[in-house]
Amino acid sequence: MGDHFTISMADGENLAVTGDWIDREFHVTRGGSDVIFASRRLLAIRDCYGIQVAPGFDVPTALAIVVALEQMELESRAR
């Protein structure tokens, strides 16, 4: 279950996103390995994600991806 997306990076690399928006949790993978894991389950604070970024993956890019995915989810709920 859940949504599936592909992120096309500027350098031509593709990242796969799988998410469970009911549980507010998703994985971003590169070559089958997680590079980002984001979950609201990791924190008890409302409207916050706990984010794990794999070593070597650009943290600002990871944060931008999480913000963009959250915005997409909010927009889909508004429809």
PDB file of N, CA and C in Angstrom:
ATOM      1  N   MET A   1       0.824  -1.180   0.000  1.00  0.00           N
ATOM      2  CA  MET A   1       0.000   0.000   0.000  1.00  0.00           C
ATOM      3  C   MET A   1       0.869   1.245   0.000  1.00  0.00           C
ATOM      4  N   GLY A   2       0.296   2.317  -0.420  1.00  0.00           N
ATOM      5  CA  GLY A   2       1.015   3.571  -0.362  1.00  0.00           C
ATOM      6  C   GLY A   2       1.258   4.144  -1.736  1.00  0.00           C
ATOM      7  N   ASP A   3       1.858   5.313  -1.734  1.00  0.00           N
ATOM      8  CA  ASP A   3       2.160   6.026  -2.959  1.00  0.00           C
ATOM      9  C   ASP A   3       3.572   5.703  -3.415  1.00  0.00           C
ATOM     10  N   HIS A   4       3.788   5.836  -4.709  1.00  0.00           N
ATOM     11  CA  HIS A   4       5.109   5.609  -5.302  1.00  0.00           C
ATOM     12  C   HIS A   4       5.417   6.777  -6.218  1.00  0.00           C
ATOM     13  N   PHE A   5       6.618   7.325  -6.095  1.00  0.00           N
ATOM     14  CA  PHE A   5       7.055   8.440  -6.921  1.00  0.00           C
ATOM     15  C   PHE A   5       8.470   8.165  -7.388  1.00  0.00           C
ATOM     16  N   THR A   6       8.853   8.832  -8.462  1.00  0.00           N
ATOM     17  CA  THR A   6      10.242   8.844  -8.900  1.00  0.00           C
ATOM     18  C   THR A   6      10.693  10.293  -8.906  1.00  0.00           C
ATOM     19  N   ILE A   7      11.855  10.539  -8.321  1.00  0.00           N
ATOM     20  CA  ILE A   7      12.459  11.866  -8.319  1.00  0.00           C
ATOM     21  C   ILE A   7      13.614  11.833  -9.306  1.00  0.00           C
ATOM     22  N   SER A   8      13.571  12.705 -10.302  1.00  0.00           N
ATOM     23  CA  SER A   8      14.657  12.825 -11.275  1.00  0.00           C
ATOM     24  C   SER A   8      15.554  13.967 -10.837  1.00  0.00           C
ATOM     25  N   MET A   9      16.769  13.629 -10.462  1.00  0.00           N
ATOM     26  CA  MET A   9      17.726  14.620  -9.989  1.00  0.00           C
ATOM     27  C   MET A   9      18.372  15.340 -11.174  1.00  0.00           C
ATOM     28  N   ALA A  10      18.940  16.513 -10.935  1.00  0.00           N
ATOM     29  CA  ALA A  10      19.567  17.310 -11.993  1.00  0.00           C
ATOM     30  C   ALA A  10      20.731  16.571 -12.649  1.00  0.00           C
ATOM     31  N   ASP A  11      21.401  15.691 -11.900  1.00  0.00           N
ATOM     32  CA  ASP A  11      22.540  14.954 -12.461  1.00  0.00           C
ATOM     33  C   ASP A  11      22.119  13.706 -13.229  1.00  0.00           C
ATOM     34  N   GLY A  12      20.801  13.496 -13.394  1.00  0.00           N
ATOM     35  CA  GLY A  12      20.298  12.354 -14.142  1.00  0.00           C
ATOM     36  C   GLY A  12      19.963  11.142 -13.286  1.00  0.00           C
ATOM     37  N   GLU A  13      20.336  11.186 -12.034  1.00  0.00           N
ATOM     38  CA  GLU A  13      20.045  10.076 -11.121  1.00  0.00           C
ATOM     39  C   GLU A  13      18.555  10.071 -10.773  1.00  0.00           C
ATOM     40  N   ASN A  14      17.989   8.887 -10.619  1.00  0.00           N
ATOM     41  CA  ASN A  14      16.599   8.750 -10.199  1.00  0.00           C
ATOM     42  C   ASN A  14      16.525   8.153  -8.801  1.00  0.00           C
ATOM     43  N   LEU A  15      15.648   8.712  -7.993  1.00  0.00           N
ATOM     44  CA  LEU A  15      15.393   8.204  -6.653  1.00  0.00           C
ATOM     45  C   LEU A  15      13.957   7.692  -6.617  1.00  0.00           C
ATOM     46  N   ALA A  16      13.738   6.602  -5.918  1.00  0.00           N
ATOM     47  CA  ALA A  16      12.390   6.042  -5.786  1.00  0.00           C
ATOM     48  C   ALA A  16      11.837   6.419  -4.420  1.00  0.00           C
ATOM     49  N   VAL A  17      10.576   6.814  -4.392  1.00  0.00           N
ATOM     50  CA  VAL A  17       9.905   7.178  -3.146  1.00  0.00           C
ATOM     51  C   VAL A  17       8.719   6.246  -2.961  1.00  0.00           C
ATOM     52  N   THR A  18       8.648   5.633  -1.793  1.00  0.00           N
ATOM     53  CA  THR A  18       7.473   4.860  -1.416  1.00  0.00           C
ATOM     54  C   THR A  18       7.002   5.397  -0.081  1.00  0.00           C
ATOM     55  N   GLY A  19       5.702   5.576   0.029  1.00  0.00           N
ATOM     56  CA  GLY A  19       5.207   6.176   1.254  1.00  0.00           C
ATOM     57  C   GLY A  19       3.863   5.658   1.676  1.00  0.00           C
ATOM     58  N   ASP A  20       3.635   5.768   2.959  1.00  0.00           N
ATOM     59  CA  ASP A  20       2.357   5.433   3.556  1.00  0.00           C
ATOM     60  C   ASP A  20       1.854   6.712   4.207  1.00  0.00           C
ATOM     61  N   TRP A  21       1.033   7.465   3.473  1.00  0.00           N
ATOM     62  CA  TRP A  21       0.612   8.768   3.965  1.00  0.00           C
ATOM     63  C   TRP A  21      -0.364   8.663   5.129  1.00  0.00           C
ATOM     64  N   ILE A  22      -1.006   7.528   5.302  1.00  0.00           N
ATOM     65  CA  ILE A  22      -1.877   7.349   6.470  1.00  0.00           C
ATOM     66  C   ILE A  22      -1.029   7.377   7.738  1.00  0.00           C
ATOM     67  N   ASP A  23       0.086   6.666   7.708  1.00  0.00           N
ATOM     68  CA  ASP A  23       1.000   6.644   8.857  1.00  0.00           C
ATOM     69  C   ASP A  23       2.031   7.761   8.804  1.00  0.00           C
ATOM     70  N   ARG A  24       2.021   8.558   7.708  1.00  0.00           N
ATOM     71  CA  ARG A  24       2.927   9.694   7.553  1.00  0.00           C
ATOM     72  C   ARG A  24       4.388   9.248   7.621  1.00  0.00           C
ATOM     73  N   GLU A  25       4.707   8.302   6.733  1.00  0.00           N
ATOM     74  CA  GLU A  25       6.038   7.713   6.741  1.00  0.00           C
ATOM     75  C   GLU A  25       6.439   7.388   5.302  1.00  0.00           C
ATOM     76  N   PHE A  26       7.691   7.660   4.934  1.00  0.00           N
ATOM     77  CA  PHE A  26       8.133   7.275   3.604  1.00  0.00           C
ATOM     78  C   PHE A  26       9.636   7.030   3.548  1.00  0.00           C
ATOM     79  N   HIS A  27      10.023   6.285   2.503  1.00  0.00           N
ATOM     80  CA  HIS A  27      11.411   5.937   2.225  1.00  0.00           C
ATOM     81  C   HIS A  27      11.780   6.489   0.858  1.00  0.00           C
ATOM     82  N   VAL A  28      12.978   7.012   0.745  1.00  0.00           N
ATOM     83  CA  VAL A  28      13.536   7.416  -0.540  1.00  0.00           C
ATOM     84  C   VAL A  28      14.755   6.529  -0.744  1.00  0.00           C
ATOM     85  N   THR A  29      14.775   5.829  -1.886  1.00  0.00           N
ATOM     86  CA  THR A  29      15.859   4.882  -2.139  1.00  0.00           C
ATOM     87  C   THR A  29      16.624   5.237  -3.404  1.00  0.00           C
ATOM     88  N   ARG A  30      17.884   4.842  -3.388  1.00  0.00           N
ATOM     89  CA  ARG A  30      18.770   4.983  -4.548  1.00  0.00           C
ATOM     90  C   ARG A  30      19.413   3.619  -4.750  1.00  0.00           C
ATOM     91  N   GLY A  31      19.159   3.024  -5.895  1.00  0.00           N
ATOM     92  CA  GLY A  31      19.729   1.699  -6.166  1.00  0.00           C
ATOM     93  C   GLY A  31      19.279   0.648  -5.172  1.00  0.00           C
ATOM     94  N   GLY A  32      18.068   0.780  -4.646  1.00  0.00           N
ATOM     95  CA  GLY A  32      17.524  -0.197  -3.720  1.00  0.00           C
ATOM     96  C   GLY A  32      17.879   0.030  -2.253  1.00  0.00           C
ATOM     97  N   SER A  33      18.718   1.014  -1.967  1.00  0.00           N
ATOM     98  CA  SER A  33      19.105   1.302  -0.580  1.00  0.00           C
ATOM     99  C   SER A  33      18.491   2.616  -0.123  1.00  0.00           C
ATOM    100  N   ASP A  34      18.016   2.639   1.128  1.00  0.00           N
ATOM    101  CA  ASP A  34      17.447   3.869   1.680  1.00  0.00           C
ATOM    102  C   ASP A  34      18.496   4.972   1.757  1.00  0.00           C
ATOM    103  N   VAL A  35      18.139   6.158   1.253  1.00  0.00           N
ATOM    104  CA  VAL A  35      18.974   7.335   1.464  1.00  0.00           C
ATOM    105  C   VAL A  35      18.267   8.314   2.396  1.00  0.00           C
ATOM    106  N   ILE A  36      16.919   8.219   2.445  1.00  0.00           N
ATOM    107  CA  ILE A  36      16.132   9.052   3.360  1.00  0.00           C
ATOM    108  C   ILE A  36      15.007   8.197   3.927  1.00  0.00           C
ATOM    109  N   PHE A  37      14.825   8.290   5.231  1.00  0.00           N
ATOM    110  CA  PHE A  37      13.655   7.717   5.877  1.00  0.00           C
ATOM    111  C   PHE A  37      13.045   8.838   6.704  1.00  0.00           C
ATOM    112  N   ALA A  38      11.767   9.110   6.477  1.00  0.00           N
ATOM    113  CA  ALA A  38      11.086  10.168   7.215  1.00  0.00           C
ATOM    114  C   ALA A  38       9.801   9.614   7.810  1.00  0.00           C
ATOM    115  N   SER A  39       9.557   9.959   9.065  1.00  0.00           N
ATOM    116  CA  SER A  39       8.376   9.436   9.738  1.00  0.00           C
ATOM    117  C   SER A  39       7.922  10.386  10.827  1.00  0.00           C
ATOM    118  N   ARG A  40       6.620  10.514  10.945  1.00  0.00           N
ATOM    119  CA  ARG A  40       6.072  11.267  12.074  1.00  0.00           C
ATOM    120  C   ARG A  40       6.039  10.396  13.314  1.00  0.00           C
ATOM    121  N   ARG A  41       6.176   9.102  13.147  1.00  0.00           N
ATOM    122  CA  ARG A  41       6.202   8.181  14.292  1.00  0.00           C
ATOM    123  C   ARG A  41       7.457   8.362  15.143  1.00  0.00           C
ATOM    124  N   LEU A  42       8.526   8.884  14.546  1.00  0.00           N
ATOM    125  CA  LEU A  42       9.787   9.032  15.259  1.00  0.00           C
ATOM    126  C   LEU A  42       9.739  10.131  16.312  1.00  0.00           C
ATOM    127  N   LEU A  43       8.782  11.058  16.180  1.00  0.00           N
ATOM    128  CA  LEU A  43       8.680  12.178  17.113  1.00  0.00           C
ATOM    129  C   LEU A  43       7.256  12.297  17.637  1.00  0.00           C
ATOM    130  N   ALA A  44       7.125  12.708  18.868  1.00  0.00           N
ATOM    131  CA  ALA A  44       5.805  12.908  19.455  1.00  0.00           C
ATOM    132  C   ALA A  44       5.281  14.324  19.223  1.00  0.00           C
ATOM    133  N   ILE A  45       6.115  15.196  18.677  1.00  0.00           N
ATOM    134  CA  ILE A  45       5.725  16.587  18.441  1.00  0.00           C
ATOM    135  C   ILE A  45       4.823  16.641  17.213  1.00  0.00           C
ATOM    136  N   ARG A  46       3.715  17.324  17.322  1.00  0.00           N
ATOM    137  CA  ARG A  46       2.760  17.415  16.222  1.00  0.00           C
ATOM    138  C   ARG A  46       3.356  18.165  15.035  1.00  0.00           C
ATOM    139  N   ASP A  47       3.031  17.693  13.835  1.00  0.00           N
ATOM    140  CA  ASP A  47       3.462  18.311  12.578  1.00  0.00           C
ATOM    141  C   ASP A  47       4.979  18.345  12.404  1.00  0.00           C
ATOM    142  N   CYS A  48       5.666  17.336  12.921  1.00  0.00           N
ATOM    143  CA  CYS A  48       7.110  17.234  12.758  1.00  0.00           C
ATOM    144  C   CYS A  48       7.477  15.840  12.266  1.00  0.00           C
ATOM    145  N   TYR A  49       8.509  15.774  11.454  1.00  0.00           N
ATOM    146  CA  TYR A  49       9.044  14.506  10.990  1.00  0.00           C
ATOM    147  C   TYR A  49      10.382  14.238  11.664  1.00  0.00           C
ATOM    148  N   GLY A  50      10.631  12.980  11.950  1.00  0.00           N
ATOM    149  CA  GLY A  50      11.975  12.525  12.256  1.00  0.00           C
ATOM    150  C   GLY A  50      12.569  12.090  10.935  1.00  0.00           C
ATOM    151  N   ILE A  51      13.776  12.521  10.626  1.00  0.00           N
ATOM    152  CA  ILE A  51      14.369  12.221   9.324  1.00  0.00           C
ATOM    153  C   ILE A  51      15.737  11.593   9.528  1.00  0.00           C
ATOM    154  N   GLN A  52      15.943  10.466   8.858  1.00  0.00           N
ATOM    155  CA  GLN A  52      17.250   9.817   8.857  1.00  0.00           C
ATOM    156  C   GLN A  52      17.804   9.914   7.443  1.00  0.00           C
ATOM    157  N   VAL A  53      19.031  10.415   7.320  1.00  0.00           N
ATOM    158  CA  VAL A  53      19.676  10.584   6.023  1.00  0.00           C
ATOM    159  C   VAL A  53      20.923   9.709   6.005  1.00  0.00           C
ATOM    160  N   ALA A  54      21.069   8.931   4.940  1.00  0.00           N
ATOM    161  CA  ALA A  54      22.216   8.033   4.814  1.00  0.00           C
ATOM    162  C   ALA A  54      23.505   8.836   4.724  1.00  0.00           C
ATOM    163  N   PRO A  55      24.584   8.299   5.300  1.00  0.00           N
ATOM    164  CA  PRO A  55      25.884   8.964   5.174  1.00  0.00           C
ATOM    165  C   PRO A  55      26.237   9.166   3.697  1.00  0.00           C
ATOM    166  N   GLY A  56      26.729  10.346   3.381  1.00  0.00           N
ATOM    167  CA  GLY A  56      27.129  10.649   2.021  1.00  0.00           C
ATOM    168  C   GLY A  56      26.037  11.264   1.163  1.00  0.00           C
ATOM    169  N   PHE A  57      24.781  11.209   1.629  1.00  0.00           N
ATOM    170  CA  PHE A  57      23.706  11.842   0.872  1.00  0.00           C
ATOM    171  C   PHE A  57      23.594  13.279   1.349  1.00  0.00           C
ATOM    172  N   ASP A  58      23.405  14.196   0.419  1.00  0.00           N
ATOM    173  CA  ASP A  58      23.367  15.620   0.716  1.00  0.00           C
ATOM    174  C   ASP A  58      22.174  15.966   1.617  1.00  0.00           C
ATOM    175  N   VAL A  59      22.444  16.428   2.822  1.00  0.00           N
ATOM    176  CA  VAL A  59      21.389  16.713   3.806  1.00  0.00           C
ATOM    177  C   VAL A  59      20.443  17.815   3.336  1.00  0.00           C
ATOM    178  N   PRO A  60      20.923  18.953   2.805  1.00  0.00           N
ATOM    179  CA  PRO A  60      19.972  19.962   2.323  1.00  0.00           C
ATOM    180  C   PRO A  60      19.046  19.418   1.229  1.00  0.00           C
ATOM    181  N   THR A  61      19.568  18.585   0.349  1.00  0.00           N
ATOM    182  CA  THR A  61      18.726  17.971  -0.680  1.00  0.00           C
ATOM    183  C   THR A  61      17.686  17.065  -0.043  1.00  0.00           C
ATOM    184  N   ALA A  62      18.091  16.293   0.960  1.00  0.00           N
ATOM    185  CA  ALA A  62      17.159  15.403   1.661  1.00  0.00           C
ATOM    186  C   ALA A  62      16.035  16.206   2.307  1.00  0.00           C
ATOM    187  N   LEU A  63      16.381  17.295   2.953  1.00  0.00           N
ATOM    188  CA  LEU A  63      15.359  18.125   3.596  1.00  0.00           C
ATOM    189  C   LEU A  63      14.417  18.742   2.565  1.00  0.00           C
ATOM    190  N   ALA A  64      14.954  19.178   1.432  1.00  0.00           N
ATOM    191  CA  ALA A  64      14.111  19.738   0.372  1.00  0.00           C
ATOM    192  C   ALA A  64      13.142  18.688  -0.169  1.00  0.00           C
ATOM    193  N   ILE A  65      13.597  17.460  -0.301  1.00  0.00           N
ATOM    194  CA  ILE A  65      12.729  16.374  -0.770  1.00  0.00           C
ATOM    195  C   ILE A  65      11.604  16.132   0.223  1.00  0.00           C
ATOM    196  N   VAL A  66      11.920  16.086   1.505  1.00  0.00           N
ATOM    197  CA  VAL A  66      10.899  15.857   2.525  1.00  0.00           C
ATOM    198  C   VAL A  66       9.865  16.988   2.515  1.00  0.00           C
ATOM    199  N   VAL A  67      10.322  18.231   2.413  1.00  0.00           N
ATOM    200  CA  VAL A  67       9.396  19.370   2.369  1.00  0.00           C
ATOM    201  C   VAL A  67       8.511  19.284   1.127  1.00  0.00           C
ATOM    202  N   ALA A  68       9.080  18.955  -0.015  1.00  0.00           N
ATOM    203  CA  ALA A  68       8.302  18.862  -1.249  1.00  0.00           C
ATOM    204  C   ALA A  68       7.265  17.750  -1.165  1.00  0.00           C
ATOM    205  N   LEU A  69       7.628  16.598  -0.620  1.00  0.00           N
ATOM    206  CA  LEU A  69       6.681  15.495  -0.490  1.00  0.00           C
ATOM    207  C   LEU A  69       5.549  15.845   0.469  1.00  0.00           C
ATOM    208  N   GLU A  70       5.872  16.523   1.551  1.00  0.00           N
ATOM    209  CA  GLU A  70       4.840  16.956   2.493  1.00  0.00           C
ATOM    210  C   GLU A  70       3.888  17.946   1.819  1.00  0.00           C
ATOM    211  N   GLN A  71       4.426  18.871   1.033  1.00  0.00           N
ATOM    212  CA  GLN A  71       3.590  19.843   0.333  1.00  0.00           C
ATOM    213  C   GLN A  71       2.668  19.147  -0.664  1.00  0.00           C
ATOM    214  N   MET A  72       3.193  18.162  -1.389  1.00  0.00           N
ATOM    215  CA  MET A  72       2.365  17.396  -2.323  1.00  0.00           C
ATOM    216  C   MET A  72       1.220  16.707  -1.584  1.00  0.00           C
ATOM    217  N   GLU A  73       1.503  16.153  -0.432  1.00  0.00           N
ATOM    218  CA  GLU A  73       0.478  15.459   0.351  1.00  0.00           C
ATOM    219  C   GLU A  73      -0.575  16.442   0.836  1.00  0.00           C
ATOM    220  N   LEU A  74      -0.153  17.613   1.312  1.00  0.00           N
ATOM    221  CA  LEU A  74      -1.109  18.625   1.775  1.00  0.00           C
ATOM    222  C   LEU A  74      -1.995  19.112   0.644  1.00  0.00           C
ATOM    223  N   GLU A  75      -1.422  19.315  -0.536  1.00  0.00           N
ATOM    224  CA  GLU A  75      -2.207  19.761  -1.677  1.00  0.00           C
ATOM    225  C   GLU A  75      -3.219  18.700  -2.115  1.00  0.00           C
ATOM    226  N   SER A  76      -2.830  17.424  -2.049  1.00  0.00           N
ATOM    227  CA  SER A  76      -3.761  16.356  -2.442  1.00  0.00           C
ATOM    228  C   SER A  76      -4.921  16.249  -1.465  1.00  0.00           C
ATOM    229  N   ARG A  77      -4.686  16.561  -0.195  1.00  0.00           N
ATOM    230  CA  ARG A  77      -5.769  16.539   0.801  1.00  0.00           C
ATOM    231  C   ARG A  77      -6.734  17.697   0.610  1.00  0.00           C
ATOM    232  N   ALA A  78      -6.243  18.813   0.071  1.00  0.00           N
ATOM    233  CA  ALA A  78      -7.071  20.007  -0.106  1.00  0.00           C
ATOM    234  C   ALA A  78      -8.045  19.868  -1.276  1.00  0.00           C
ATOM    235  N   ARG A  79      -7.823  18.912  -2.129  1.00  0.00           N
ATOM    236  CA  ARG A  79      -8.689  18.744  -3.314  1.00  0.00           C
ATOM    237  C   ARG A  79      -9.983  18.098  -2.967  1.00  0.00           C
TER     238      ARG A  79
END
